[in-house]
C-alpha atoms as a PDB file:
ATOM      1  CA  MET A   1      97.826 103.603  88.586  1.00  0.00           C
ATOM      2  CA  GLY A   2     100.637 101.256  89.548  1.00  0.00           C
ATOM      3  CA  ASP A   3     104.322 101.931  89.902  1.00  0.00           C
ATOM      4  CA  MET A   4     106.116 103.509  86.990  1.00  0.00           C
ATOM      5  CA  SER A   5     108.011 101.172  84.722  1.00  0.00           C
ATOM      6  CA  GLU A   6     111.788 101.346  84.715  1.00  0.00           C
ATOM      7  CA  LYS A   7     111.740 102.943  81.227  1.00  0.00           C
ATOM      8  CA  GLN A   8     109.305 105.615  82.402  1.00  0.00           C
ATOM      9  CA  GLN A   9     111.418 106.350  85.481  1.00  0.00           C
ATOM     10  CA  GLU A  10     114.562 106.733  83.346  1.00  0.00           C
ATOM     11  CA  GLU A  11     112.747 109.000  80.876  1.00  0.00           C
ATOM     12  CA  LEU A  12     111.364 111.133  83.726  1.00  0.00           C
ATOM     13  CA  GLU A  13     114.886 111.698  85.086  1.00  0.00           C
ATOM     14  CA  VAL A  14     116.212 112.548  81.617  1.00  0.00           C
ATOM     15  CA  LEU A  15     113.368 115.052  81.007  1.00  0.00           C
ATOM     16  CA  GLN A  16     113.963 116.686  84.387  1.00  0.00           C
ATOM     17  CA  SER A  17     117.669 117.121  83.649  1.00  0.00           C
ATOM     18  CA  ILE A  18     117.137 118.375  80.061  1.00  0.00           C
ATOM     19  CA  TYR A  19     114.437 120.913  80.928  1.00  0.00           C
ATOM     20  CA  GLU A  20     115.839 122.056  84.268  1.00  0.00           C
ATOM     21  CA  GLY A  21     115.418 125.846  84.352  1.00  0.00           C
ATOM     22  CA  ASP A  22     113.363 125.947  81.118  1.00  0.00           C
ATOM     23  CA  THR A  23     110.358 128.145  81.944  1.00  0.00           C
ATOM     24  CA  LYS A  24     108.396 126.864  78.944  1.00  0.00           C
ATOM     25  CA  PHE A  25     108.474 123.285  80.283  1.00  0.00           C
ATOM     26  CA  LYS A  26     106.147 122.264  83.095  1.00  0.00           C
ATOM     27  CA  GLN A  27     105.917 118.901  84.824  1.00  0.00           C
ATOM     28  CA  ILE A  28     102.280 118.448  85.861  1.00  0.00           C
ATOM     29  CA  SER A  29     102.855 115.035  87.448  1.00  0.00           C
ATOM     30  CA  SER A  30     105.338 112.174  87.134  1.00  0.00           C
ATOM     31  CA  ILE A  31     103.565 111.107  83.907  1.00  0.00           C
ATOM     32  CA  CYS A  32     102.220 114.405  82.520  1.00  0.00           C
ATOM     33  CA  PHE A  33     104.260 117.206  80.929  1.00  0.00           C
ATOM     34  CA  GLN A  34     103.515 120.470  79.134  1.00  0.00           C
ATOM     35  CA  TYR A  35     105.590 122.615  76.820  1.00  0.00           C
ATOM     36  CA  MET A  36     104.761 126.100  75.501  1.00  0.00           C
ATOM     37  CA  TYR A  37     105.792 127.107  71.986  1.00  0.00           C
ATOM     38  CA  GLY A  38     105.902 130.771  70.979  1.00  0.00           C
ATOM     39  CA  ASP A  39     106.262 133.951  72.994  1.00  0.00           C
ATOM     40  CA  GLU A  40     103.298 136.266  72.766  1.00  0.00           C
ATOM     41  CA  GLU A  41     100.111 135.234  74.525  1.00  0.00           C
ATOM     42  CA  GLN A  42      98.045 135.144  71.324  1.00  0.00           C
ATOM     43  CA  LYS A  43     100.808 133.469  69.320  1.00  0.00           C
ATOM     44  CA  SER A  44     101.658 130.419  71.351  1.00  0.00           C
ATOM     45  CA  ILE A  45     100.634 126.789  71.550  1.00  0.00           C
ATOM     46  CA  LEU A  46     100.633 124.630  74.686  1.00  0.00           C
ATOM     47  CA  ILE A  47     101.195 120.885  74.203  1.00  0.00           C
ATOM     48  CA  GLU A  48     100.511 118.355  76.956  1.00  0.00           C
ATOM     49  CA  ILE A  49     101.877 114.811  76.769  1.00  0.00           C
ATOM     50  CA  SER A  50     100.737 112.139  79.256  1.00  0.00           C
ATOM     51  CA  TRP A  51     101.932 108.583  79.594  1.00  0.00           C
ATOM     52  CA  PRO A  52      99.447 105.707  79.815  1.00  0.00           C
ATOM     53  CA  GLU A  53     100.376 102.761  82.042  1.00  0.00           C
ATOM     54  CA  LEU A  54     101.957 100.740  79.215  1.00  0.00           C
ATOM     55  CA  TYR A  55     103.970 103.660  77.784  1.00  0.00           C
ATOM     56  CA  PRO A  56     106.368 103.549  75.832  1.00  0.00           C
ATOM     57  CA  SER A  57     104.902 100.331  74.389  1.00  0.00           C
ATOM     58  CA  VAL A  58     101.760 102.346  73.573  1.00  0.00           C
ATOM     59  CA  LEU A  59     101.381 105.883  72.260  1.00  0.00           C
ATOM     60  CA  PRO A  60     101.300 108.722  74.777  1.00  0.00           C
ATOM     61  CA  SER A  61      98.263 110.955  75.093  1.00  0.00           C
ATOM     62  CA  VAL A  62      98.745 114.293  73.275  1.00  0.00           C
ATOM     63  CA  ASN A  63      96.400 116.982  74.526  1.00  0.00           C
ATOM     64  CA  LEU A  64      95.814 120.438  73.050  1.00  0.00           C
ATOM     65  CA  ASP A  65      92.362 120.991  74.579  1.00  0.00           C
ATOM     66  CA  LEU A  66      93.812 123.232  77.260  1.00  0.00           C
ATOM     67  CA  PHE A  67      92.505 126.627  78.373  1.00  0.00           C
ATOM     68  CA  HIS A  68      95.565 128.345  76.880  1.00  0.00           C
ATOM     69  CA  ASN A  69      94.701 126.978  73.409  1.00  0.00           C
ATOM     70  CA  GLY A  70      91.065 128.089  73.621  1.00  0.00           C
ATOM     71  CA  TYR A  71      91.393 130.520  70.697  1.00  0.00           C
ATOM     72  CA  LEU A  72      92.581 127.777  68.307  1.00  0.00           C
ATOM     73  CA  THR A  73      90.012 125.993  66.160  1.00  0.00           C
ATOM     74  CA  PRO A  74      89.316 122.305  66.877  1.00  0.00           C
ATOM     75  CA  GLU A  75      90.474 121.458  63.338  1.00  0.00           C
ATOM     76  CA  PHE A  76      93.840 123.171  63.874  1.00  0.00           C
ATOM     77  CA  LYS A  77      94.397 121.465  67.240  1.00  0.00           C
ATOM     78  CA  SER A  78      93.442 118.122  65.698  1.00  0.00           C
ATOM     79  CA  GLU A  79      95.917 118.673  62.841  1.00  0.00           C
ATOM     80  CA  ILE A  80      98.789 119.353  65.258  1.00  0.00           C
ATOM     81  CA  GLN A  81      97.797 116.411  67.459  1.00  0.00           C
ATOM     82  CA  SER A  82      97.651 113.957  64.546  1.00  0.00           C
ATOM     83  CA  LYS A  83     101.064 115.082  63.239  1.00  0.00           C
ATOM     84  CA  ILE A  84     102.634 114.621  66.687  1.00  0.00           C
ATOM     85  CA  LEU A  85     101.022 111.174  67.055  1.00  0.00           C
ATOM     86  CA  LYS A  86     102.232 110.200  63.574  1.00  0.00           C
ATOM     87  CA  GLU A  87     105.752 111.095  64.724  1.00  0.00           C
ATOM     88  CA  ALA A  88     105.172 109.145  67.968  1.00  0.00           C
ATOM     89  CA  ASN A  89     104.160 106.072  65.986  1.00  0.00           C
ATOM     90  CA  ASP A  90     107.648 105.961  64.449  1.00  0.00           C
ATOM     91  CA  LEU A  91     109.212 106.073  67.934  1.00  0.00           C
ATOM     92  CA  LEU A  92     107.049 103.380  69.561  1.00  0.00           C
ATOM     93  CA  HIS A  93     108.806 101.320  72.301  1.00  0.00           C
ATOM     94  CA  ASP A  94     111.405 104.082  72.828  1.00  0.00           C
ATOM     95  CA  ALA A  95     111.453 107.063  75.176  1.00  0.00           C
ATOM     96  CA  MET A  96     109.787 109.672  72.978  1.00  0.00           C
ATOM     97  CA  THR A  97     108.527 112.621  75.027  1.00  0.00           C
ATOM     98  CA  TYR A  98     111.659 114.700  74.442  1.00  0.00           C
ATOM     99  CA  SER A  99     111.667 113.725  70.746  1.00  0.00           C
ATOM    100  CA  LEU A 100     108.022 114.806  70.363  1.00  0.00           C
ATOM    101  CA  PHE A 101     108.598 118.143  72.117  1.00  0.00           C
ATOM    102  CA  ASN A 102     111.696 118.597  69.955  1.00  0.00           C
ATOM    103  CA  TRP A 103     109.773 117.743  66.733  1.00  0.00           C
ATOM    104  CA  MET A 104     107.174 120.340  67.704  1.00  0.00           C
ATOM    105  CA  SER A 105     109.965 122.884  68.340  1.00  0.00           C
ATOM    106  CA  GLU A 106     111.206 122.382  64.783  1.00  0.00           C
ATOM    107  CA  HIS A 107     107.698 122.835  63.323  1.00  0.00           C
ATOM    108  CA  ALA A 108     106.262 125.338  65.846  1.00  0.00           C
ATOM    109  CA  ASP A 109     107.052 128.405  63.716  1.00  0.00           C
ATOM    110  CA  ASP A 110     105.038 126.983  60.797  1.00  0.00           C
ATOM    111  CA  PHE A 111     102.031 126.398  63.067  1.00  0.00           C
ATOM    112  CA  ILE A 112     102.407 129.706  64.927  1.00  0.00           C
ATOM    113  CA  ASN A 113     102.621 131.678  61.660  1.00  0.00           C
ATOM    114  CA  ARG A 114      99.215 130.238  60.724  1.00  0.00           C
ATOM    115  CA  ILE A 115      97.565 131.220  64.025  1.00  0.00           C
ATOM    116  CA  ALA A 116      96.794 134.846  63.051  1.00  0.00           C
ATOM    117  CA  GLU A 117      95.061 133.706  59.855  1.00  0.00           C
ATOM    118  CA  ILE A 118      93.105 130.987  61.681  1.00  0.00           C
ATOM    119  CA  VAL A 119      91.991 133.338  64.457  1.00  0.00           C
ATOM    120  CA  ALA A 120      90.959 135.982  61.895  1.00  0.00           C
ATOM    121  CA  ASN A 121      88.986 133.424  59.863  1.00  0.00           C
ATOM    122  CA  ASN A 122      87.374 132.152  63.052  1.00  0.00           C
ATOM    123  CA  LYS A 123      86.257 135.707  63.998  1.00  0.00           C
ATOM    124  CA  VAL A 124      84.794 136.270  60.541  1.00  0.00           C
ATOM    125  CA  PHE A 125      82.990 132.942  60.867  1.00  0.00           C
ATOM    126  CA  ARG A 126      81.570 133.961  64.253  1.00  0.00           C
ATOM    127  CA  GLU A 127      80.462 137.383  62.945  1.00  0.00           C
ATOM    128  CA  THR A 128      78.600 135.766  60.049  1.00  0.00           C
ATOM    129  CA  LYS A 129      75.157 134.607  61.119  1.00  0.00           C
ATOM    130  CA  LEU A 130      73.164 132.257  58.934  1.00  0.00           C
ATOM    131  CA  ILE A 131      69.380 132.508  59.205  1.00  0.00           C
ATOM    132  CA  CYS A 132      67.317 129.827  57.515  1.00  0.00           C
ATOM    133  CA  ASP A 133      63.745 130.711  56.482  1.00  0.00           C
ATOM    134  CA  ASP A 134      61.942 128.306  54.165  1.00  0.00           C
ATOM    135  CA  ASN A 135      65.223 127.001  52.654  1.00  0.00           C
ATOM    136  CA  SER A 136      66.617 130.517  52.181  1.00  0.00           C
ATOM    137  CA  ILE A 137      69.910 131.510  53.745  1.00  0.00           C
ATOM    138  CA  VAL A 138      70.543 135.105  54.704  1.00  0.00           C
ATOM    139  CA  SER A 139      74.073 136.054  55.649  1.00  0.00           C
ATOM    140  CA  THR A 140      74.746 139.131  57.752  1.00  0.00           C
ATOM    141  CA  LYS A 141      78.355 140.163  57.951  1.00  0.00           C
ATOM    142  CA  LYS A 142      79.847 143.235  59.583  1.00  0.00           C
ATOM    143  CA  GLU A 143      81.471 145.438  57.005  1.00  0.00           C
ATOM    144  CA  LYS A 144      84.767 146.993  57.941  1.00  0.00           C
ATOM    145  CA  LYS A 145      85.163 150.710  57.405  1.00  0.00           C
ATOM    146  CA  GLN A 146      88.084 151.670  55.282  1.00  0.00           C
ATOM    147  CA  GLN A 147      90.857 153.087  57.456  1.00  0.00           C
ATOM    148  CA  LEU A 148      92.254 156.335  56.071  1.00  0.00           C
ATOM    149  CA  SER A 149      95.467 158.056  57.057  1.00  0.00           C
ATOM    150  CA  LYS A 150      95.444 161.669  58.258  1.00  0.00           C
ATOM    151  CA  ALA A 151      96.864 162.817  54.921  1.00  0.00           C
ATOM    152  CA  GLN A 152      94.101 161.004  53.024  1.00  0.00           C
ATOM    153  CA  LYS A 153      91.429 162.537  55.252  1.00  0.00           C
ATOM    154  CA  ARG A 154      92.958 166.029  54.849  1.00  0.00           C
ATOM    155  CA  ARG A 155      93.027 165.655  51.054  1.00  0.00           C
ATOM    156  CA  ILE A 156      89.373 164.625  51.013  1.00  0.00           C
ATOM    157  CA  THR A 157      88.300 167.590  53.168  1.00  0.00           C
ATOM    158  CA  GLU A 158      90.312 170.023  51.006  1.00  0.00           C
ATOM    159  CA  GLN A 159      88.566 168.749  47.885  1.00  0.00           C
ATOM    160  CA  THR A 160      85.018 168.792  49.307  1.00  0.00           C
ATOM    161  CA  ASN A 161      82.608 171.353  50.751  1.00  0.00           C
ATOM    162  CA  TYR A 162      80.975 171.242  54.184  1.00  0.00           C
ATOM    163  CA  LEU A 163      78.517 168.583  52.942  1.00  0.00           C
ATOM    164  CA  GLY A 164      81.310 166.264  51.831  1.00  0.00           C
ATOM    165  CA  GLU A 165      80.523 166.884  48.152  1.00  0.00           C
ATOM    166  CA  LYS A 166      82.996 168.039  45.535  1.00  0.00           C
ATOM    167  CA  GLU A 167      82.484 171.663  44.450  1.00  0.00           C
ATOM    168  CA  ARG A 168      80.655 172.361  41.200  1.00  0.00           C
ATOM    169  CA  GLY A 169      83.178 172.517  38.369  1.00  0.00           C
ATOM    170  CA  HIS A 170      85.927 170.550  40.122  1.00  0.00           C
ATOM    171  CA  ASP A 171      86.443 168.471  37.013  1.00  0.00           C
ATOM    172  CA  TRP A 172      85.984 171.221  34.404  1.00  0.00           C
ATOM    173  CA  ILE A 173      88.832 171.909  32.048  1.00  0.00           C
ATOM    174  CA  ASP A 174      90.363 175.290  31.327  1.00  0.00           C
ATOM    175  CA  VAL A 175      89.137 175.841  27.768  1.00  0.00           C
ATOM    176  CA  VAL A 176      91.793 178.450  26.888  1.00  0.00           C
ATOM    177  CA  LYS A 177      94.634 176.282  28.240  1.00  0.00           C
ATOM    178  CA  HIS A 178      93.226 173.260  26.438  1.00  0.00           C
ATOM    179  CA  LEU A 179      92.981 175.073  23.083  1.00  0.00           C
ATOM    180  CA  THR A 180      96.487 176.576  23.319  1.00  0.00           C
ATOM    181  CA  GLN A 181      98.043 173.122  23.879  1.00  0.00           C
ATOM    182  CA  GLY A 182      97.127 172.104  20.346  1.00  0.00           C
ATOM    183  CA  VAL A 183      99.188 174.916  18.793  1.00  0.00           C
END
């Protein structure tokens, strides 16, 4: 790769001054930068932007296929990448790395709020196994046990015998009480 263009050099200096001391920003090389969105390990997205030789006359490379993003589905990463590149298309021929990181900052919460749902759906998908036998599909899915609170468990044990069955007559009515209510 040849020398950096004057525009790239200027943008590099601007990025270094803007993100100085920002622990979420990481300069991988003079043409490759990463920014982390979110706080918790399972609720964050790492974006990497690299400059090709003709940048900013051509679109930068936007990479989400990083180890940190391994729990995200390819479809979700592709969606984020295409939205960032769509934004980049509007900024062609201008320094855009900061603008792209900033655009992602404004939309990061929307993406991060969807992560839990996507990860949960992905786990369900992985737990479901499809077996094909003569054009028949059998789906095996782990069933979740219902989680009961201590109070619910106590109530159940108070209403049942040692076998877990309700006592004989638990639903009988008091005939005398029932007949006196009509008077």
